[in-house]
Amino acid sequence: MSRRERGEKKTTYFDYNLLFIIIFLLCFGLVMLFSTSSYTSANKYGDSAHYLKLQLRNIAVGLIPMYLFAKIDYHFWKKFGLFAYIASILLCVMVMLPIPFLVRSSHGKARWLNLGPLSFQPSELAKLAVIIFLAMLLERILKQLDQFRNVIKVMLMLIPLFVVVAVNNLSTAVIIFAIAGCMLFVASRKVWPFVGIAGAGVGLIAVFTFCVGYRSTRVDAWLHPETAGDAGLQPLMGLYAIGSGKIFGKGLGQSLQKLGNVPEAQNDMIFSIICEELGLFGAVCVILLYVLLLWRMMVIANNAKDLYGALLVSGIMSHMAIQVILNIAVVTNTIPNTGVTLPFISYGGTSLVFLMAEMGLALSVSRGIHLDSIR
């Protein structure tokens, strides 16, 4: 006799393993952030814990959307898919307008919108918006994806967002394009169309790279960091940090390259300091943590009770994997510098908050899984 015939309810599931990995990464990130930024913080702000305090604030803020997304049924967001996509385009356009007191620039790039005492990057919202929008759309047109022209139509729908984001932030535009490609790949039963999509993506990236001077300079610095002057300083010092860490590192807090040699070490280049202080062993452990994180999300996606939930988690998993790969590739000088943070470990406000929101969404999907259906 089945559970239903006996009148028993199925036991719902919650992925505590995923939650534990997220908490562990956040705590590890705080330790490494303090170790990496203490010297710079003390010199610049007179407080060695300056960046640590800001990151604690960012985590506290991020816990709010993470809790809300985990608590609310993920189907609730389906009705806001199109709205989120259009709103993200409009907000990214606003960043391009010279609006006093609303648009904030840093390092000569206008990427932030001010909301009173806080500011955020609309491009980070765009990543989450694309995931919610595409999950809603692909569920509706799943059977139509067997035709190549419909796959192209979906990608063309994302071109306006890709263009407005790429003007100021090519790396984020690349991530958005890659997330969309991965979600389409998961939803479609055919593989060959994605070869053409990948080729088109590389072409678009090349156009946006060589049409802007500082981006082509980054390519030169990537190919010849030792002769690129200031442009090659960050990748070169990052490689020195990685090499000097050897197998087990110099020890926590013992990095020399963080003493002003690696610019913005607490942001994009924090993985190089992890390698210097914890060595190859520590770097492999960090990568394995991300592998575990992706594995838990793959389990949730495979066991989601409907296609919409599976697509949501597939998009989140793609975002996480792409961002980790790009960051480590930049730090090891495998690709040109793109300005991508290391999830949950690098210092950052908007990026961390929206990543935690995505984790809450993945946890919400896990709550819909029944224990007797897990495979």
Protein backbone atom coordinates (compact mmCIF):
# COMPACT_ATOMS: atom_id res chain seq x y z
CA MET A 1 0.00 0.00 0.00
CA SER A 2 1.37 3.44 -0.98
CA ARG A 3 1.76 6.44 1.33
CA ARG A 4 -1.13 8.19 -0.42
CA GLU A 5 -3.43 5.19 0.08
CA ARG A 6 -2.52 5.08 3.78
CA GLY A 7 -3.24 8.81 4.05
CA GLU A 8 0.38 9.68 4.92
CA LYS A 9 2.02 12.92 3.85
CA LYS A 10 5.30 12.93 1.99
CA THR A 11 8.18 14.28 4.04
CA THR A 12 9.55 17.44 2.50
CA TYR A 13 13.25 18.11 2.15
CA PHE A 14 15.56 21.00 2.93
CA ASP A 15 19.17 21.00 1.77
CA TYR A 16 21.06 21.72 4.99
CA ASN A 17 24.26 20.56 3.27
CA LEU A 18 24.01 23.48 0.84
CA LEU A 19 23.26 25.87 3.70
CA PHE A 20 26.28 24.64 5.67
CA ILE A 21 28.61 25.06 2.67
CA ILE A 22 27.36 28.63 2.15
CA ILE A 23 27.92 29.50 5.82
CA PHE A 24 31.38 27.91 5.77
CA LEU A 25 32.37 29.86 2.64
CA LEU A 26 31.14 33.12 4.19
CA CYS A 27 33.09 32.51 7.42
CA PHE A 28 36.22 31.48 5.51
CA GLY A 29 35.80 34.57 3.35
CA LEU A 30 35.73 36.81 6.42
CA VAL A 31 38.96 35.27 7.73
CA MET A 32 40.75 35.67 4.40
CA LEU A 33 39.34 39.15 3.83
CA PHE A 34 40.68 40.37 7.18
CA SER A 35 44.05 38.74 6.52
CA THR A 36 44.22 40.23 3.01
CA SER A 37 42.92 43.74 3.72
CA SER A 38 44.23 44.54 7.22
CA TYR A 39 47.39 46.29 5.99
CA THR A 40 45.57 48.36 3.35
CA SER A 41 42.75 49.18 5.77
CA ALA A 42 45.14 50.38 8.46
CA ASN A 43 47.06 52.60 6.03
CA LYS A 44 44.05 54.00 4.21
CA TYR A 45 41.41 54.24 6.93
CA GLY A 46 43.36 53.92 10.20
CA ASP A 47 41.41 50.76 11.07
CA SER A 48 42.74 47.32 10.16
CA ALA A 49 39.21 45.87 10.35
CA HIS A 50 37.61 48.45 8.03
CA TYR A 51 36.84 46.05 5.16
CA LEU A 52 35.94 43.28 7.60
CA LYS A 53 33.27 45.47 9.24
CA LEU A 54 31.85 46.45 5.85
CA GLN A 55 31.73 42.81 4.75
CA LEU A 56 29.94 41.85 7.98
CA ARG A 57 27.38 44.53 7.15
CA ASN A 58 27.06 43.16 3.62
CA ILE A 59 26.45 39.64 4.94
CA ALA A 60 23.86 40.93 7.42
CA VAL A 61 22.05 42.70 4.58
CA GLY A 62 22.36 39.62 2.33
CA LEU A 63 20.80 37.35 4.96
CA ILE A 64 17.50 39.23 4.55
CA PRO A 65 16.88 38.39 0.85
CA MET A 66 18.41 34.95 1.36
CA TYR A 67 15.90 34.17 4.12
CA LEU A 68 12.97 35.67 2.19
CA PHE A 69 13.79 33.81 -1.04
CA ALA A 70 14.23 30.55 0.91
CA LYS A 71 10.95 31.04 2.79
CA ILE A 72 8.74 32.10 -0.14
CA ASP A 73 7.59 29.46 -2.61
CA TYR A 74 9.78 29.88 -5.69
CA HIS A 75 6.72 29.78 -7.97
CA PHE A 76 5.81 33.22 -6.62
CA TRP A 77 8.64 34.78 -8.66
CA LYS A 78 7.42 33.32 -11.95
CA LYS A 79 4.90 36.13 -12.44
CA PHE A 80 7.69 38.72 -12.06
CA GLY A 81 10.01 37.24 -14.69
CA LEU A 82 9.30 39.69 -17.51
CA PHE A 83 9.04 42.64 -15.13
CA ALA A 84 12.44 41.81 -13.57
CA TYR A 85 14.05 41.59 -17.01
CA ILE A 86 12.66 44.94 -18.22
CA ALA A 87 13.43 46.64 -14.89
CA SER A 88 17.05 45.44 -15.03
CA ILE A 89 17.45 46.94 -18.53
CA LEU A 90 16.02 50.29 -17.40
CA LEU A 91 18.23 50.39 -14.30
CA CYS A 92 21.34 49.56 -16.37
CA VAL A 93 20.41 52.39 -18.76
CA MET A 94 20.05 54.79 -15.81
CA VAL A 95 23.66 54.09 -14.84
CA MET A 96 24.75 55.39 -18.25
CA LEU A 97 22.98 58.74 -17.73
CA PRO A 98 24.80 61.67 -16.05
CA ILE A 99 22.28 62.05 -13.22
CA PRO A 100 23.75 63.94 -10.21
CA PHE A 101 23.39 62.32 -6.78
CA LEU A 102 21.99 59.13 -8.35
CA VAL A 103 24.87 57.67 -10.37
CA ARG A 104 28.17 56.93 -8.62
CA SER A 105 31.47 56.28 -10.36
CA SER A 106 34.54 54.41 -9.18
CA HIS A 107 37.87 54.11 -11.01
CA GLY A 108 36.34 56.14 -13.83
CA LYS A 109 33.42 53.74 -14.42
CA ALA A 110 29.79 54.59 -13.63
CA ARG A 111 28.28 51.33 -12.42
CA TRP A 112 26.44 52.19 -9.21
CA LEU A 113 23.09 53.76 -8.36
CA ASN A 114 22.78 55.56 -5.03
CA LEU A 115 19.83 54.72 -2.80
CA GLY A 116 20.25 57.07 0.14
CA PRO A 117 23.23 55.86 2.21
CA LEU A 118 23.49 52.66 0.15
CA SER A 119 24.44 51.99 -3.45
CA PHE A 120 24.10 48.97 -5.70
CA GLN A 121 25.11 47.73 -9.15
CA PRO A 122 22.13 47.13 -11.46
CA SER A 123 24.27 44.70 -13.46
CA GLU A 124 24.26 42.31 -10.48
CA LEU A 125 20.47 42.49 -10.37
CA ALA A 126 20.48 41.70 -14.10
CA LYS A 127 22.06 38.28 -13.46
CA LEU A 128 19.26 37.25 -11.12
CA ALA A 129 16.62 38.81 -13.38
CA VAL A 130 17.85 36.81 -16.39
CA ILE A 131 17.69 33.56 -14.40
CA ILE A 132 14.10 34.19 -13.25
CA PHE A 133 12.99 35.44 -16.68
CA LEU A 134 14.53 32.60 -18.68
CA ALA A 135 13.27 29.91 -16.30
CA MET A 136 9.74 31.26 -16.79
CA LEU A 137 10.14 31.61 -20.56
CA LEU A 138 11.85 28.29 -21.26
CA GLU A 139 9.27 26.36 -19.28
CA ARG A 140 6.55 27.82 -21.51
CA ILE A 141 8.26 27.21 -24.86
CA LEU A 142 10.10 23.99 -24.05
CA LYS A 143 8.80 22.01 -27.05
CA GLN A 144 9.51 24.90 -29.43
CA LEU A 145 13.23 24.80 -28.55
CA ASP A 146 13.64 21.82 -30.88
CA GLN A 147 13.67 24.38 -33.69
CA PHE A 148 16.92 26.31 -33.98
CA ARG A 149 15.22 29.58 -34.90
CA ASN A 150 13.41 29.62 -31.56
CA VAL A 151 16.69 29.22 -29.70
CA ILE A 152 18.06 32.19 -31.66
CA LYS A 153 14.93 34.22 -30.85
CA VAL A 154 15.49 33.67 -27.13
CA MET A 155 19.12 34.80 -27.38
CA LEU A 156 18.11 37.85 -29.44
CA MET A 157 15.68 38.83 -26.68
CA LEU A 158 18.69 39.17 -24.37
CA ILE A 159 20.72 41.36 -26.73
CA PRO A 160 19.34 44.69 -25.35
CA LEU A 161 20.42 43.75 -21.82
CA PHE A 162 23.77 42.41 -23.03
CA VAL A 163 24.53 45.64 -24.90
CA VAL A 164 23.62 48.08 -22.10
CA VAL A 165 25.59 46.04 -19.56
CA ALA A 166 28.59 45.51 -21.87
CA VAL A 167 29.06 49.25 -22.40
CA ASN A 168 30.25 49.68 -18.80
CA ASN A 169 30.90 46.14 -17.63
CA LEU A 170 31.87 43.58 -20.27
CA SER A 171 32.69 40.83 -17.77
CA THR A 172 29.18 40.92 -16.29
CA ALA A 173 27.67 40.92 -19.80
CA VAL A 174 29.74 37.82 -20.62
CA ILE A 175 28.45 36.11 -17.47
CA ILE A 176 24.84 36.98 -18.38
CA PHE A 177 25.32 35.64 -21.92
CA ALA A 178 26.92 32.45 -20.56
CA ILE A 179 24.14 31.90 -18.00
CA ALA A 180 21.56 32.19 -20.78
CA GLY A 181 23.50 29.75 -22.96
CA CYS A 182 23.76 27.19 -20.13
CA MET A 183 20.05 27.42 -19.32
CA LEU A 184 19.14 27.00 -22.98
CA PHE A 185 21.51 24.04 -23.21
CA VAL A 186 19.78 22.39 -20.23
CA ALA A 187 16.30 23.02 -21.66
CA SER A 188 17.03 22.03 -25.27
CA ARG A 189 17.32 18.46 -26.50
CA LYS A 190 19.73 19.42 -29.30
CA VAL A 191 23.40 20.23 -28.85
CA TRP A 192 24.66 21.45 -32.23
CA PRO A 193 22.94 24.91 -32.20
CA PHE A 194 25.04 25.92 -29.22
CA VAL A 195 28.24 25.73 -31.25
CA GLY A 196 26.91 28.64 -33.31
CA ILE A 197 25.76 30.51 -30.21
CA ALA A 198 29.20 30.11 -28.63
CA GLY A 199 30.81 31.44 -31.82
CA ALA A 200 28.47 34.43 -31.87
CA GLY A 201 29.25 35.09 -28.23
CA VAL A 202 33.00 35.10 -28.86
CA GLY A 203 32.46 37.50 -31.76
CA LEU A 204 30.42 39.92 -29.62
CA ILE A 205 33.03 39.82 -26.86
CA ALA A 206 35.81 40.55 -29.38
CA VAL A 207 33.90 43.56 -30.74
CA PHE A 208 33.29 45.05 -27.31
CA THR A 209 36.90 44.33 -26.29
CA PHE A 210 38.71 46.00 -29.17
CA CYS A 211 36.29 48.91 -29.53
CA VAL A 212 37.28 50.23 -26.10
CA GLY A 213 40.88 51.25 -25.49
CA TYR A 214 41.38 50.09 -21.91
CA ARG A 215 40.05 46.61 -22.73
CA SER A 216 42.55 46.07 -25.54
CA THR A 217 45.23 47.28 -23.13
CA ARG A 218 44.20 44.49 -20.76
CA VAL A 219 44.72 41.97 -23.55
CA ASP A 220 48.26 43.31 -24.07
CA ALA A 221 48.88 43.13 -20.30
CA TRP A 222 47.66 39.54 -20.31
CA LEU A 223 49.97 38.50 -23.13
CA HIS A 224 53.02 40.43 -21.89
CA PRO A 225 52.53 41.43 -18.21
CA GLU A 226 56.27 41.91 -17.67
CA THR A 227 56.45 44.70 -20.27
CA ALA A 228 53.00 46.25 -19.84
CA GLY A 229 53.95 48.67 -17.06
CA ASP A 230 51.18 49.52 -14.58
CA ALA A 231 48.62 47.55 -16.60
CA GLY A 232 50.59 44.34 -16.06
CA LEU A 233 51.34 44.95 -12.38
CA GLN A 234 48.27 43.23 -10.95
CA PRO A 235 48.52 39.93 -12.90
CA LEU A 236 52.28 39.81 -12.44
CA MET A 237 52.16 40.36 -8.67
CA GLY A 238 49.31 37.86 -8.45
CA LEU A 239 51.48 35.23 -10.11
CA TYR A 240 54.34 36.04 -7.72
CA ALA A 241 51.97 35.52 -4.79
CA ILE A 242 50.76 32.17 -6.15
CA GLY A 243 54.28 30.93 -6.85
CA SER A 244 55.69 31.97 -3.47
CA GLY A 245 52.98 30.02 -1.61
CA LYS A 246 54.31 26.65 -2.82
CA ILE A 247 52.54 23.58 -1.39
CA PHE A 248 51.39 24.61 2.09
CA GLY A 249 51.82 28.38 1.98
CA LYS A 250 53.59 30.89 4.20
CA GLY A 251 50.91 30.74 6.87
CA LEU A 252 47.75 32.71 7.55
CA GLY A 253 48.51 36.44 7.70
CA GLN A 254 52.06 36.02 6.40
CA SER A 255 51.57 37.21 2.82
CA LEU A 256 54.07 39.78 1.52
CA GLN A 257 52.30 40.58 -1.74
CA LYS A 258 49.23 41.93 0.08
CA LEU A 259 51.41 44.74 1.51
CA GLY A 260 50.56 47.03 -1.38
CA ASN A 261 52.08 44.91 -4.16
CA VAL A 262 48.81 43.36 -5.41
CA PRO A 263 46.36 46.22 -6.14
CA GLU A 264 42.85 45.70 -4.70
CA ALA A 265 43.89 42.35 -3.27
CA GLN A 266 40.70 42.10 -1.18
CA ASN A 267 38.54 42.18 -4.32
CA ASP A 268 39.25 40.25 -7.52
CA MET A 269 42.73 39.03 -6.55
CA ILE A 270 41.99 37.50 -3.15
CA PHE A 271 42.57 33.99 -4.51
CA SER A 272 46.23 34.85 -5.12
CA ILE A 273 46.63 35.73 -1.42
CA ILE A 274 44.90 32.47 -0.47
CA CYS A 275 47.49 30.65 -2.58
CA GLU A 276 50.35 32.59 -0.96
CA GLU A 277 49.22 32.07 2.63
CA LEU A 278 47.65 28.60 2.40
CA GLY A 279 49.55 27.26 -0.58
CA LEU A 280 48.42 24.83 -3.24
CA PHE A 281 46.74 22.74 -0.55
CA GLY A 282 44.54 25.64 0.56
CA ALA A 283 43.71 26.60 -3.02
CA VAL A 284 42.60 23.05 -3.82
CA CYS A 285 40.46 22.97 -0.66
CA VAL A 286 38.71 26.20 -1.72
CA ILE A 287 38.06 24.80 -5.21
CA LEU A 288 36.67 21.60 -3.68
CA LEU A 289 34.29 23.68 -1.56
CA TYR A 290 32.91 25.26 -4.72
CA VAL A 291 32.66 21.81 -6.32
CA LEU A 292 30.61 20.64 -3.32
CA LEU A 293 28.41 23.73 -3.64
CA LEU A 294 27.78 23.00 -7.32
CA TRP A 295 27.16 19.33 -6.58
CA ARG A 296 24.46 20.17 -4.01
CA MET A 297 22.77 22.49 -6.51
CA MET A 298 22.95 19.76 -9.16
CA VAL A 299 21.20 17.39 -6.73
CA ILE A 300 18.47 19.98 -6.15
CA ALA A 301 18.05 20.62 -9.89
CA ASN A 302 17.82 16.89 -10.67
CA ASN A 303 15.18 16.35 -7.98
CA ALA A 304 13.17 19.56 -8.36
CA LYS A 305 9.45 18.84 -8.52
CA ASP A 306 8.96 20.77 -11.77
CA LEU A 307 10.88 22.13 -14.76
CA TYR A 308 10.69 25.73 -13.55
CA GLY A 309 12.51 24.88 -10.32
CA ALA A 310 15.11 22.80 -12.17
CA LEU A 311 15.80 25.67 -14.59
CA LEU A 312 16.10 28.18 -11.75
CA VAL A 313 18.72 26.10 -9.96
CA SER A 314 20.50 25.32 -13.25
CA GLY A 315 20.82 29.06 -13.89
CA ILE A 316 22.12 29.71 -10.38
CA MET A 317 24.56 26.81 -10.65
CA SER A 318 25.77 28.13 -14.04
CA HIS A 319 26.29 31.61 -12.59
CA MET A 320 28.30 30.26 -9.68
CA ALA A 321 30.46 27.99 -11.84
CA ILE A 322 31.15 30.68 -14.46
CA GLN A 323 32.09 33.30 -11.89
CA VAL A 324 34.45 30.98 -9.99
CA ILE A 325 36.13 29.80 -13.20
CA LEU A 326 36.55 33.35 -14.54
CA ASN A 327 37.99 34.66 -11.26
CA ILE A 328 40.54 31.86 -10.90
CA ALA A 329 41.41 32.11 -14.60
CA VAL A 330 42.10 35.85 -14.20
CA VAL A 331 44.20 35.38 -11.07
CA THR A 332 46.32 32.70 -12.76
CA ASN A 333 46.58 34.94 -15.88
CA THR A 334 44.86 32.30 -18.01
CA ILE A 335 42.57 35.01 -19.46
CA PRO A 336 42.77 38.84 -19.48
CA ASN A 337 41.70 40.72 -16.35
CA THR A 338 37.90 40.93 -16.22
CA GLY A 339 37.14 42.28 -12.76
CA VAL A 340 35.07 39.29 -11.53
CA THR A 341 34.83 38.63 -7.79
CA LEU A 342 35.31 35.26 -6.10
CA PRO A 343 31.84 34.33 -4.75
CA PHE A 344 31.37 34.66 -0.96
CA ILE A 345 35.08 35.37 -0.39
CA SER A 346 35.96 38.60 -2.23
CA TYR A 347 34.94 41.92 -0.72
CA GLY A 348 31.79 43.28 -2.30
CA GLY A 349 28.35 44.54 -1.40
CA THR A 350 25.92 44.18 -4.30
CA SER A 351 27.54 41.01 -5.64
CA LEU A 352 27.41 39.27 -2.26
CA VAL A 353 23.82 40.31 -1.51
CA PHE A 354 22.49 39.03 -4.84
CA LEU A 355 24.54 35.82 -4.61
CA MET A 356 22.97 35.16 -1.21
CA ALA A 357 19.53 35.89 -2.70
CA GLU A 358 20.23 33.28 -5.39
CA MET A 359 21.24 30.76 -2.72
CA GLY A 360 17.95 31.44 -0.95
CA LEU A 361 16.12 30.74 -4.21
CA ALA A 362 17.97 27.43 -4.59
CA LEU A 363 17.06 26.52 -1.00
CA SER A 364 13.42 27.34 -1.77
CA VAL A 365 13.47 24.87 -4.66
CA SER A 366 14.98 22.26 -2.33
CA ARG A 367 12.04 22.71 0.06
CA GLY A 368 9.69 21.47 -2.65
CA ILE A 369 11.52 18.15 -2.98
CA HIS A 370 10.05 15.03 -1.35
CA LEU A 371 12.43 12.73 0.49
CA ASP A 372 11.14 9.60 -1.20
CA SER A 373 11.84 11.07 -4.66
CA ILE A 374 15.52 12.01 -4.16
CA ARG A 375 17.90 10.27 -6.50
